[in-house]
Protein backbone atom coordinates (compact mmCIF):
# COMPACT_ATOMS: atom_id res chain seq x y z
CA UNK A 1 -68.91 -14.42 -0.90
CA UNK A 2 -68.35 -9.75 -0.68
CA UNK A 3 -68.48 -8.49 2.05
CA UNK A 4 -66.67 -5.00 0.91
CA UNK A 5 -64.34 -3.40 -1.30
CA UNK A 6 -61.16 -2.83 0.73
CA UNK A 7 -59.01 -0.08 0.49
CA UNK A 8 -55.36 0.15 -0.10
CA UNK A 9 -54.07 3.01 0.89
CA UNK A 10 -50.71 3.99 2.72
CA UNK A 11 -50.98 5.18 5.81
CA UNK A 12 -49.63 8.69 6.98
CA UNK A 13 -47.81 9.41 9.85
CA UNK A 14 -50.33 12.36 11.87
CA UNK A 15 -48.62 16.38 11.17
CA UNK A 16 -47.26 16.39 14.16
CA UNK A 17 -45.32 13.33 13.63
CA UNK A 18 -44.71 14.22 10.16
CA UNK A 19 -40.47 15.21 10.49
CA UNK A 20 -38.65 15.88 6.89
CA UNK A 21 -35.20 14.63 6.68
CA UNK A 22 -34.38 18.31 6.43
CA UNK A 23 -36.35 19.61 9.31
CA UNK A 24 -33.59 16.27 11.03
CA UNK A 25 -31.06 17.90 9.75
CA UNK A 26 -31.28 21.55 10.45
CA UNK A 27 -32.16 20.26 13.53
CA UNK A 28 -29.29 18.22 13.77
CA UNK A 29 -30.59 14.86 14.30
CA UNK A 30 -30.86 12.39 12.69
CA UNK A 31 -33.59 9.05 13.15
CA UNK A 32 -30.17 6.39 13.92
CA UNK A 33 -29.40 9.43 16.95
CA UNK A 34 -33.53 8.87 17.85
CA UNK A 35 -33.04 6.15 21.91
CA UNK A 36 -34.45 3.07 21.69
CA UNK A 37 -36.56 0.62 22.87
CA UNK A 38 -34.51 -1.54 25.35
CA UNK A 39 -34.08 -5.27 24.71
CA UNK A 40 -33.30 -7.80 26.62
CA UNK A 41 -32.67 -11.02 25.43
CA UNK A 42 -34.08 -15.04 27.34
CA UNK A 43 -30.75 -16.36 28.58
CA UNK A 44 -31.87 -19.63 25.74
CA UNK A 45 -30.95 -16.88 23.59
CA UNK A 46 -28.34 -16.07 24.86
CA UNK A 47 -26.84 -19.63 25.84
CA UNK A 48 -27.37 -19.91 21.76
CA UNK A 49 -25.38 -17.36 20.41
CA UNK A 50 -21.78 -18.01 22.99
CA UNK A 51 -22.54 -21.28 21.98
CA UNK A 52 -20.21 -20.81 18.72
CA UNK A 53 -22.37 -23.38 16.53
CA UNK A 54 -22.87 -21.00 13.97
CA UNK A 55 -23.23 -23.50 11.08
CA UNK A 56 -22.96 -26.56 11.93
CA UNK A 57 -23.67 -28.54 9.92
CA UNK A 58 -23.65 -32.69 10.03
CA UNK A 59 -24.16 -32.97 6.01
CA UNK A 60 -23.25 -37.27 6.87
CA UNK A 61 -26.08 -37.50 9.39
CA UNK A 62 -28.85 -35.46 6.83
CA UNK A 63 -27.99 -38.35 3.98
CA UNK A 64 -28.52 -40.86 6.63
CA UNK A 65 -31.01 -40.27 7.65
CA UNK A 66 -32.60 -38.81 4.48
CA UNK A 67 -31.97 -42.97 3.24
CA UNK A 68 -33.65 -44.10 5.83
CA UNK A 69 -37.37 -42.06 5.47
CA UNK A 70 -36.53 -42.47 2.05
CA UNK A 71 -36.69 -46.53 2.72
CA UNK A 72 -38.86 -46.77 5.08
CA UNK A 73 -36.66 -47.72 7.36
CA UNK A 74 -36.75 -44.84 9.53
CA UNK A 75 -37.91 -44.67 13.19
CA UNK A 76 -39.43 -42.50 14.46
CA UNK A 77 -38.92 -42.78 18.44
CA UNK A 78 -42.44 -41.36 20.28
CA UNK A 79 -40.84 -41.37 23.25
CA UNK A 80 -37.57 -39.13 23.11
CA UNK A 81 -39.72 -36.22 21.18
CA UNK A 82 -42.26 -36.45 23.47
CA UNK A 83 -40.45 -35.62 26.99
CA UNK A 84 -38.48 -32.89 24.22
CA UNK A 85 -41.48 -30.84 24.03
CA UNK A 86 -42.77 -31.54 28.32
CA UNK A 87 -39.48 -30.32 29.26
CA UNK A 88 -39.58 -27.62 26.31
CA UNK A 89 -43.17 -25.87 27.84
CA UNK A 90 -41.66 -25.85 31.18
CA UNK A 91 -39.16 -24.27 30.18
CA UNK A 92 -40.77 -21.36 29.10
CA UNK A 93 -43.83 -22.01 31.37
CA UNK A 94 -41.32 -21.33 34.75
CA UNK A 95 -39.88 -18.31 31.88
CA UNK A 96 -43.59 -16.38 31.98
CA UNK A 97 -44.29 -17.57 35.49
CA UNK A 98 -40.84 -15.64 36.09
CA UNK A 99 -40.97 -12.22 35.28
CA UNK A 100 -44.57 -12.07 36.01
CA UNK A 101 -43.56 -11.85 39.84
């Protein structure tokens, strides 16, 4: 079902927002010198980035799990998965509730 034609036009900034490179250079500013928004990382992200676990890969564990799946012997612990999901949801909800208050 065809509702209408889609137009693929590039969005142009408003005339007051346009700033050419030569205008910026003449004014002594560049896009990198403009103020930026402040970013605040969550506690979880901060912990992960400080944890130093970057690049850790247990190839033997992956191989064991792959073999168990292939052989039909991989056991899924639904209780552990449910517990972790609930824990993560509670953490997220407490973080959201803390920001609103």
